[in-house]
Amino acid sequence: MKSTVEKEPGVLTRSLRSGCEAPASTTPQRSRLASLFRDRSGATGIEYGLIAMLIAVAMLVGLIALGGQVSTLYDDIATAYSDATS
C-alpha cells in the first residue's frame, strides 16, 4: 500500500513496501498542470468563438466574390441613368 505523507514542509514522500521512502511523483506543479488539462469550462466559449470566426470568413468570402458583380451592376445603372437624362 502506497501512501503519500509530508514530513518536511514542501517535500512529499511516498512509503514503499520495503519501508523506505521515496519522493512522491506528483508535485504541486504537476497536479496543477493536470487540473488545467482536465478543466473544460472554457471549451464552450472557444467553440462559439470559432463558429463566429467561420461565419465572418464565409461572409468575407461572399462579399469578395459578389463585390465585383455588384460594382458592375451599379456602373450599368449609373450609365443607363446618365444616358436617359441626357
PDB file of N, CA and C in Angstrom:
ATOM      1  N   MET A   1       0.850  -1.176   0.000  1.00  0.00           N
ATOM      2  CA  MET A   1       0.000   0.000   0.000  1.00  0.00           C
ATOM      3  C   MET A   1       0.894   1.238   0.000  1.00  0.00           C
ATOM      4  N   LYS A   2       0.670   2.118  -0.952  1.00  0.00           N
ATOM      5  CA  LYS A   2       1.471   3.333  -1.054  1.00  0.00           C
ATOM      6  C   LYS A   2       0.689   4.482  -0.443  1.00  0.00           C
ATOM      7  N   SER A   3       1.338   5.256   0.356  1.00  0.00           N
ATOM      8  CA  SER A   3       0.691   6.438   0.917  1.00  0.00           C
ATOM      9  C   SER A   3       1.643   7.609   0.804  1.00  0.00           C
ATOM     10  N   THR A   4       1.074   8.777   0.622  1.00  0.00           N
ATOM     11  CA  THR A   4       1.876   9.985   0.492  1.00  0.00           C
ATOM     12  C   THR A   4       1.751  10.782   1.780  1.00  0.00           C
ATOM     13  N   VAL A   5       2.893  11.150   2.330  1.00  0.00           N
ATOM     14  CA  VAL A   5       2.899  11.938   3.562  1.00  0.00           C
ATOM     15  C   VAL A   5       3.848  13.106   3.390  1.00  0.00           C
ATOM     16  N   GLU A   6       3.681  14.109   4.207  1.00  0.00           N
ATOM     17  CA  GLU A   6       4.546  15.279   4.167  1.00  0.00           C
ATOM     18  C   GLU A   6       5.265  15.363   5.504  1.00  0.00           C
ATOM     19  N   LYS A   7       6.563  14.990   5.488  1.00  0.00           N
ATOM     20  CA  LYS A   7       7.338  15.040   6.727  1.00  0.00           C
ATOM     21  C   LYS A   7       8.006  16.387   6.885  1.00  0.00           C
ATOM     22  N   GLU A   8       8.509  16.927   5.786  1.00  0.00           N
ATOM     23  CA  GLU A   8       9.127  18.245   5.804  1.00  0.00           C
ATOM     24  C   GLU A   8       8.231  19.180   4.988  1.00  0.00           C
ATOM     25  N   PRO A   9       8.158  20.432   5.346  1.00  0.00           N
ATOM     26  CA  PRO A   9       7.310  21.350   4.586  1.00  0.00           C
ATOM     27  C   PRO A   9       7.721  21.393   3.118  1.00  0.00           C
ATOM     28  N   GLY A  10       6.769  21.135   2.237  1.00  0.00           N
ATOM     29  CA  GLY A  10       7.015  21.206   0.806  1.00  0.00           C
ATOM     30  C   GLY A  10       7.626  19.963   0.211  1.00  0.00           C
ATOM     31  N   VAL A  11       7.940  18.932   1.006  1.00  0.00           N
ATOM     32  CA  VAL A  11       8.549  17.711   0.494  1.00  0.00           C
ATOM     33  C   VAL A  11       7.588  16.566   0.740  1.00  0.00           C
ATOM     34  N   LEU A  12       7.050  16.033  -0.324  1.00  0.00           N
ATOM     35  CA  LEU A  12       6.165  14.890  -0.208  1.00  0.00           C
ATOM     36  C   LEU A  12       6.981  13.622  -0.400  1.00  0.00           C
ATOM     37  N   THR A  13       6.706  12.617   0.403  1.00  0.00           N
ATOM     38  CA  THR A  13       7.377  11.331   0.242  1.00  0.00           C
ATOM     39  C   THR A  13       6.320  10.254   0.159  1.00  0.00           C
ATOM     40  N   ARG A  14       6.715   9.122  -0.436  1.00  0.00           N
ATOM     41  CA  ARG A  14       5.801   8.013  -0.599  1.00  0.00           C
ATOM     42  C   ARG A  14       6.426   6.798   0.067  1.00  0.00           C
ATOM     43  N   SER A  15       5.670   6.131   0.932  1.00  0.00           N
ATOM     44  CA  SER A  15       6.176   4.953   1.612  1.00  0.00           C
ATOM     45  C   SER A  15       6.143   3.781   0.644  1.00  0.00           C
ATOM     46  N   LEU A  16       7.263   3.077   0.548  1.00  0.00           N
ATOM     47  CA  LEU A  16       7.359   1.919  -0.316  1.00  0.00           C
ATOM     48  C   LEU A  16       7.158   0.657   0.495  1.00  0.00           C
ATOM     49  N   ARG A  17       6.997  -0.480  -0.146  1.00  0.00           N
ATOM     50  CA  ARG A  17       6.799  -1.748   0.563  1.00  0.00           C
ATOM     51  C   ARG A  17       7.987  -2.096   1.448  1.00  0.00           C
ATOM     52  N   SER A  18       9.171  -1.692   1.030  1.00  0.00           N
ATOM     53  CA  SER A  18      10.365  -2.036   1.802  1.00  0.00           C
ATOM     54  C   SER A  18      10.494  -1.171   3.057  1.00  0.00           C
ATOM     55  N   GLY A  19       9.625  -0.205   3.201  1.00  0.00           N
ATOM     56  CA  GLY A  19       9.703   0.662   4.359  1.00  0.00           C
ATOM     57  C   GLY A  19      10.489   1.922   4.099  1.00  0.00           C
ATOM     58  N   CYS A  20      11.191   1.980   2.963  1.00  0.00           N
ATOM     59  CA  CYS A  20      11.936   3.181   2.595  1.00  0.00           C
ATOM     60  C   CYS A  20      10.964   4.214   2.046  1.00  0.00           C
ATOM     61  N   GLU A  21      11.405   5.419   2.038  1.00  0.00           N
ATOM     62  CA  GLU A  21      10.571   6.475   1.488  1.00  0.00           C
ATOM     63  C   GLU A  21      11.237   7.078   0.269  1.00  0.00           C
ATOM     64  N   ALA A  22      10.433   7.383  -0.728  1.00  0.00           N
ATOM     65  CA  ALA A  22      10.928   7.991  -1.960  1.00  0.00           C
ATOM     66  C   ALA A  22      10.128   9.255  -2.220  1.00  0.00           C
ATOM     67  N   PRO A  23      10.709  10.212  -2.926  1.00  0.00           N
ATOM     68  CA  PRO A  23       9.947  11.423  -3.253  1.00  0.00           C
ATOM     69  C   PRO A  23       8.692  11.069  -4.045  1.00  0.00           C
ATOM     70  N   ALA A  24       7.610  11.722  -3.746  1.00  0.00           N
ATOM     71  CA  ALA A  24       6.358  11.471  -4.462  1.00  0.00           C
ATOM     72  C   ALA A  24       6.481  11.960  -5.893  1.00  0.00           C
ATOM     73  N   SER A  25       5.838  11.237  -6.806  1.00  0.00           N
ATOM     74  CA  SER A  25       5.971  11.583  -8.216  1.00  0.00           C
ATOM     75  C   SER A  25       5.085  12.755  -8.610  1.00  0.00           C
ATOM     76  N   THR A  26       4.080  13.061  -7.810  1.00  0.00           N
ATOM     77  CA  THR A  26       3.215  14.183  -8.154  1.00  0.00           C
ATOM     78  C   THR A  26       3.611  15.396  -7.340  1.00  0.00           C
ATOM     79  N   THR A  27       4.099  16.390  -8.017  1.00  0.00           N
ATOM     80  CA  THR A  27       4.456  17.643  -7.374  1.00  0.00           C
ATOM     81  C   THR A  27       3.270  18.582  -7.489  1.00  0.00           C
ATOM     82  N   PRO A  28       3.215  19.640  -6.713  1.00  0.00           N
ATOM     83  CA  PRO A  28       2.100  20.585  -6.838  1.00  0.00           C
ATOM     84  C   PRO A  28       1.988  21.179  -8.244  1.00  0.00           C
ATOM     85  N   GLN A  29       3.114  21.427  -8.904  1.00  0.00           N
ATOM     86  CA  GLN A  29       3.075  21.986 -10.252  1.00  0.00           C
ATOM     87  C   GLN A  29       2.468  20.983 -11.226  1.00  0.00           C
ATOM     88  N   ARG A  30       2.831  19.720 -11.082  1.00  0.00           N
ATOM     89  CA  ARG A  30       2.317  18.696 -11.984  1.00  0.00           C
ATOM     90  C   ARG A  30       0.811  18.507 -11.786  1.00  0.00           C
ATOM     91  N   SER A  31       0.356  18.561 -10.538  1.00  0.00           N
ATOM     92  CA  SER A  31      -1.074  18.395 -10.292  1.00  0.00           C
ATOM     93  C   SER A  31      -1.852  19.616 -10.806  1.00  0.00           C
ATOM     94  N   ARG A  32      -1.270  20.812 -10.717  1.00  0.00           N
ATOM     95  CA  ARG A  32      -1.923  21.993 -11.284  1.00  0.00           C
ATOM     96  C   ARG A  32      -2.027  21.887 -12.799  1.00  0.00           C
ATOM     97  N   LEU A  33      -0.967  21.402 -13.420  1.00  0.00           N
ATOM     98  CA  LEU A  33      -0.964  21.227 -14.862  1.00  0.00           C
ATOM     99  C   LEU A  33      -2.003  20.187 -15.270  1.00  0.00           C
ATOM    100  N   ALA A  34      -2.084  19.109 -14.531  1.00  0.00           N
ATOM    101  CA  ALA A  34      -3.079  18.073 -14.826  1.00  0.00           C
ATOM    102  C   ALA A  34      -4.491  18.619 -14.665  1.00  0.00           C
ATOM    103  N   SER A  35      -4.711  19.453 -13.665  1.00  0.00           N
ATOM    104  CA  SER A  35      -6.048  20.011 -13.469  1.00  0.00           C
ATOM    105  C   SER A  35      -6.409  20.973 -14.603  1.00  0.00           C
ATOM    106  N   LEU A  36      -5.424  21.669 -15.152  1.00  0.00           N
ATOM    107  CA  LEU A  36      -5.697  22.546 -16.293  1.00  0.00           C
ATOM    108  C   LEU A  36      -6.119  21.746 -17.515  1.00  0.00           C
ATOM    109  N   PHE A  37      -5.499  20.582 -17.714  1.00  0.00           N
ATOM    110  CA  PHE A  37      -5.871  19.749 -18.848  1.00  0.00           C
ATOM    111  C   PHE A  37      -7.252  19.135 -18.665  1.00  0.00           C
ATOM    112  N   ARG A  38      -7.651  18.879 -17.433  1.00  0.00           N
ATOM    113  CA  ARG A  38      -8.972  18.306 -17.164  1.00  0.00           C
ATOM    114  C   ARG A  38     -10.072  19.358 -17.194  1.00  0.00           C
ATOM    115  N   ASP A  39      -9.726  20.622 -16.988  1.00  0.00           N
ATOM    116  CA  ASP A  39     -10.721  21.693 -16.921  1.00  0.00           C
ATOM    117  C   ASP A  39     -11.277  21.971 -18.315  1.00  0.00           C
ATOM    118  N   ARG A  40     -12.582  21.850 -18.467  1.00  0.00           N
ATOM    119  CA  ARG A  40     -13.236  22.063 -19.758  1.00  0.00           C
ATOM    120  C   ARG A  40     -14.193  23.251 -19.731  1.00  0.00           C
ATOM    121  N   SER A  41     -14.091  24.109 -18.725  1.00  0.00           N
ATOM    122  CA  SER A  41     -15.055  25.195 -18.574  1.00  0.00           C
ATOM    123  C   SER A  41     -14.959  26.232 -19.692  1.00  0.00           C
ATOM    124  N   GLY A  42     -13.809  26.451 -20.282  1.00  0.00           N
ATOM    125  CA  GLY A  42     -13.667  27.440 -21.345  1.00  0.00           C
ATOM    126  C   GLY A  42     -13.872  26.877 -22.735  1.00  0.00           C
ATOM    127  N   ALA A  43     -14.106  25.579 -22.842  1.00  0.00           N
ATOM    128  CA  ALA A  43     -14.233  24.947 -24.156  1.00  0.00           C
ATOM    129  C   ALA A  43     -15.432  25.483 -24.925  1.00  0.00           C
ATOM    130  N   THR A  44     -16.543  25.727 -24.259  1.00  0.00           N
ATOM    131  CA  THR A  44     -17.738  26.207 -24.942  1.00  0.00           C
ATOM    132  C   THR A  44     -17.507  27.604 -25.512  1.00  0.00           C
ATOM    133  N   GLY A  45     -16.880  28.467 -24.756  1.00  0.00           N
ATOM    134  CA  GLY A  45     -16.585  29.813 -25.243  1.00  0.00           C
ATOM    135  C   GLY A  45     -15.676  29.786 -26.455  1.00  0.00           C
ATOM    136  N   ILE A  46     -14.698  28.907 -26.433  1.00  0.00           N
ATOM    137  CA  ILE A  46     -13.790  28.783 -27.575  1.00  0.00           C
ATOM    138  C   ILE A  46     -14.543  28.271 -28.797  1.00  0.00           C
ATOM    139  N   GLU A  47     -15.443  27.309 -28.582  1.00  0.00           N
ATOM    140  CA  GLU A  47     -16.224  26.787 -29.704  1.00  0.00           C
ATOM    141  C   GLU A  47     -17.100  27.875 -30.319  1.00  0.00           C
ATOM    142  N   TYR A  48     -17.747  28.693 -29.480  1.00  0.00           N
ATOM    143  CA  TYR A  48     -18.567  29.788 -30.007  1.00  0.00           C
ATOM    144  C   TYR A  48     -17.699  30.789 -30.756  1.00  0.00           C
ATOM    145  N   GLY A  49     -16.514  31.047 -30.264  1.00  0.00           N
ATOM    146  CA  GLY A  49     -15.594  31.953 -30.959  1.00  0.00           C
ATOM    147  C   GLY A  49     -15.194  31.415 -32.317  1.00  0.00           C
ATOM    148  N   LEU A  50     -14.929  30.111 -32.400  1.00  0.00           N
ATOM    149  CA  LEU A  50     -14.569  29.508 -33.685  1.00  0.00           C
ATOM    150  C   LEU A  50     -15.729  29.553 -34.667  1.00  0.00           C
ATOM    151  N   ILE A  51     -16.946  29.320 -34.173  1.00  0.00           N
ATOM    152  CA  ILE A  51     -18.124  29.390 -35.052  1.00  0.00           C
ATOM    153  C   ILE A  51     -18.302  30.813 -35.574  1.00  0.00           C
ATOM    154  N   ALA A  52     -18.155  31.807 -34.711  1.00  0.00           N
ATOM    155  CA  ALA A  52     -18.282  33.203 -35.136  1.00  0.00           C
ATOM    156  C   ALA A  52     -17.212  33.554 -36.163  1.00  0.00           C
ATOM    157  N   MET A  53     -16.006  33.051 -35.960  1.00  0.00           N
ATOM    158  CA  MET A  53     -14.927  33.317 -36.903  1.00  0.00           C
ATOM    159  C   MET A  53     -15.236  32.685 -38.267  1.00  0.00           C
ATOM    160  N   LEU A  54     -15.757  31.462 -38.275  1.00  0.00           N
ATOM    161  CA  LEU A  54     -16.099  30.810 -39.539  1.00  0.00           C
ATOM    162  C   LEU A  54     -17.212  31.568 -40.269  1.00  0.00           C
ATOM    163  N   ILE A  55     -18.195  32.072 -39.528  1.00  0.00           N
ATOM    164  CA  ILE A  55     -19.261  32.857 -40.150  1.00  0.00           C
ATOM    165  C   ILE A  55     -18.697  34.134 -40.754  1.00  0.00           C
ATOM    166  N   ALA A  56     -17.794  34.805 -40.035  1.00  0.00           N
ATOM    167  CA  ALA A  56     -17.186  36.034 -40.541  1.00  0.00           C
ATOM    168  C   ALA A  56     -16.366  35.764 -41.792  1.00  0.00           C
ATOM    169  N   VAL A  57     -15.627  34.668 -41.819  1.00  0.00           N
ATOM    170  CA  VAL A  57     -14.822  34.327 -43.000  1.00  0.00           C
ATOM    171  C   VAL A  57     -15.735  34.019 -44.179  1.00  0.00           C
ATOM    172  N   ALA A  58     -16.831  33.290 -43.928  1.00  0.00           N
ATOM    173  CA  ALA A  58     -17.771  32.974 -45.010  1.00  0.00           C
ATOM    174  C   ALA A  58     -18.395  34.249 -45.571  1.00  0.00           C
ATOM    175  N   MET A  59     -18.742  35.193 -44.699  1.00  0.00           N
ATOM    176  CA  MET A  59     -19.306  36.466 -45.162  1.00  0.00           C
ATOM    177  C   MET A  59     -18.285  37.244 -45.979  1.00  0.00           C
ATOM    178  N   LEU A  60     -17.044  37.259 -45.529  1.00  0.00           N
ATOM    179  CA  LEU A  60     -15.993  37.976 -46.249  1.00  0.00           C
ATOM    180  C   LEU A  60     -15.766  37.375 -47.632  1.00  0.00           C
ATOM    181  N   VAL A  61     -15.712  36.056 -47.695  1.00  0.00           N
ATOM    182  CA  VAL A  61     -15.527  35.390 -48.990  1.00  0.00           C
ATOM    183  C   VAL A  61     -16.708  35.698 -49.903  1.00  0.00           C
ATOM    184  N   GLY A  62     -17.922  35.687 -49.365  1.00  0.00           N
ATOM    185  CA  GLY A  62     -19.103  36.008 -50.168  1.00  0.00           C
ATOM    186  C   GLY A  62     -19.081  37.441 -50.673  1.00  0.00           C
ATOM    187  N   LEU A  63     -18.679  38.380 -49.824  1.00  0.00           N
ATOM    188  CA  LEU A  63     -18.611  39.776 -50.247  1.00  0.00           C
ATOM    189  C   LEU A  63     -17.549  39.994 -51.314  1.00  0.00           C
ATOM    190  N   ILE A  64     -16.430  39.314 -51.179  1.00  0.00           N
ATOM    191  CA  ILE A  64     -15.369  39.449 -52.183  1.00  0.00           C
ATOM    192  C   ILE A  64     -15.833  38.861 -53.517  1.00  0.00           C
ATOM    193  N   ALA A  65     -16.512  37.703 -53.446  1.00  0.00           N
ATOM    194  CA  ALA A  65     -16.964  37.050 -54.678  1.00  0.00           C
ATOM    195  C   ALA A  65     -18.045  37.869 -55.373  1.00  0.00           C
ATOM    196  N   LEU A  66     -18.955  38.467 -54.605  1.00  0.00           N
ATOM    197  CA  LEU A  66     -20.051  39.225 -55.203  1.00  0.00           C
ATOM    198  C   LEU A  66     -19.730  40.699 -55.399  1.00  0.00           C
ATOM    199  N   GLY A  67     -18.651  41.170 -54.796  1.00  0.00           N
ATOM    200  CA  GLY A  67     -18.316  42.593 -54.862  1.00  0.00           C
ATOM    201  C   GLY A  67     -18.125  43.107 -56.268  1.00  0.00           C
ATOM    202  N   GLY A  68     -17.454  42.354 -57.106  1.00  0.00           N
ATOM    203  CA  GLY A  68     -17.225  42.766 -58.494  1.00  0.00           C
ATOM    204  C   GLY A  68     -18.527  42.832 -59.276  1.00  0.00           C
ATOM    205  N   GLN A  69     -19.418  41.882 -59.050  1.00  0.00           N
ATOM    206  CA  GLN A  69     -20.697  41.855 -59.758  1.00  0.00           C
ATOM    207  C   GLN A  69     -21.584  43.020 -59.334  1.00  0.00           C
ATOM    208  N   VAL A  70     -21.586  43.335 -58.047  1.00  0.00           N
ATOM    209  CA  VAL A  70     -22.395  44.449 -57.556  1.00  0.00           C
ATOM    210  C   VAL A  70     -21.859  45.764 -58.108  1.00  0.00           C
ATOM    211  N   SER A  71     -20.550  45.895 -58.147  1.00  0.00           N
ATOM    212  CA  SER A  71     -19.944  47.110 -58.698  1.00  0.00           C
ATOM    213  C   SER A  71     -20.309  47.277 -60.163  1.00  0.00           C
ATOM    214  N   THR A  72     -20.260  46.206 -60.923  1.00  0.00           N
ATOM    215  CA  THR A  72     -20.632  46.252 -62.338  1.00  0.00           C
ATOM    216  C   THR A  72     -22.107  46.616 -62.490  1.00  0.00           C
ATOM    217  N   LEU A  73     -22.967  46.078 -61.635  1.00  0.00           N
ATOM    218  CA  LEU A  73     -24.399  46.389 -61.685  1.00  0.00           C
ATOM    219  C   LEU A  73     -24.645  47.876 -61.442  1.00  0.00           C
ATOM    220  N   TYR A  74     -23.986  48.451 -60.436  1.00  0.00           N
ATOM    221  CA  TYR A  74     -24.144  49.878 -60.152  1.00  0.00           C
ATOM    222  C   TYR A  74     -23.602  50.743 -61.298  1.00  0.00           C
ATOM    223  N   ASP A  75     -22.487  50.319 -61.880  1.00  0.00           N
ATOM    224  CA  ASP A  75     -21.955  51.058 -63.025  1.00  0.00           C
ATOM    225  C   ASP A  75     -22.938  51.043 -64.193  1.00  0.00           C
ATOM    226  N   ASP A  76     -23.565  49.891 -64.453  1.00  0.00           N
ATOM    227  CA  ASP A  76     -24.553  49.784 -65.536  1.00  0.00           C
ATOM    228  C   ASP A  76     -25.764  50.673 -65.256  1.00  0.00           C
ATOM    229  N   ILE A  77     -26.211  50.687 -64.000  1.00  0.00           N
ATOM    230  CA  ILE A  77     -27.352  51.530 -63.627  1.00  0.00           C
ATOM    231  C   ILE A  77     -26.996  53.008 -63.804  1.00  0.00           C
ATOM    232  N   ALA A  78     -25.791  53.398 -63.366  1.00  0.00           N
ATOM    233  CA  ALA A  78     -25.367  54.797 -63.499  1.00  0.00           C
ATOM    234  C   ALA A  78     -25.270  55.198 -64.964  1.00  0.00           C
ATOM    235  N   THR A  79     -24.755  54.303 -65.805  1.00  0.00           N
ATOM    236  CA  THR A  79     -24.634  54.593 -67.229  1.00  0.00           C
ATOM    237  C   THR A  79     -26.016  54.739 -67.863  1.00  0.00           C
ATOM    238  N   ALA A  80     -26.910  53.831 -67.514  1.00  0.00           N
ATOM    239  CA  ALA A  80     -28.267  53.885 -68.068  1.00  0.00           C
ATOM    240  C   ALA A  80     -28.988  55.151 -67.613  1.00  0.00           C
ATOM    241  N   TYR A  81     -28.775  55.555 -66.388  1.00  0.00           N
ATOM    242  CA  TYR A  81     -29.413  56.767 -65.860  1.00  0.00           C
ATOM    243  C   TYR A  81     -28.875  58.022 -66.560  1.00  0.00           C
ATOM    244  N   SER A  82     -27.549  58.051 -66.726  1.00  0.00           N
ATOM    245  CA  SER A  82     -26.964  59.240 -67.376  1.00  0.00           C
ATOM    246  C   SER A  82     -27.370  59.300 -68.849  1.00  0.00           C
ATOM    247  N   ASP A  83     -27.506  58.134 -69.527  1.00  0.00           N
ATOM    248  CA  ASP A  83     -27.957  58.125 -70.923  1.00  0.00           C
ATOM    249  C   ASP A  83     -29.416  58.568 -71.024  1.00  0.00           C
ATOM    250  N   ALA A  84     -30.230  58.189 -70.021  1.00  0.00           N
ATOM    251  CA  ALA A  84     -31.648  58.527 -70.055  1.00  0.00           C
ATOM    252  C   ALA A  84     -31.885  59.997 -69.760  1.00  0.00           C
ATOM    253  N   THR A  85     -31.049  60.605 -68.974  1.00  0.00           N
ATOM    254  CA  THR A  85     -31.244  62.011 -68.614  1.00  0.00           C
ATOM    255  C   THR A  85     -30.564  62.977 -69.598  1.00  0.00           C
ATOM    256  N   SER A  86     -29.717  62.475 -70.486  1.00  0.00           N
ATOM    257  CA  SER A  86     -29.057  63.391 -71.406  1.00  0.00           C
ATOM    258  C   SER A  86     -29.850  63.595 -72.658  1.00  0.00           C
TER     259      SER A  86
END
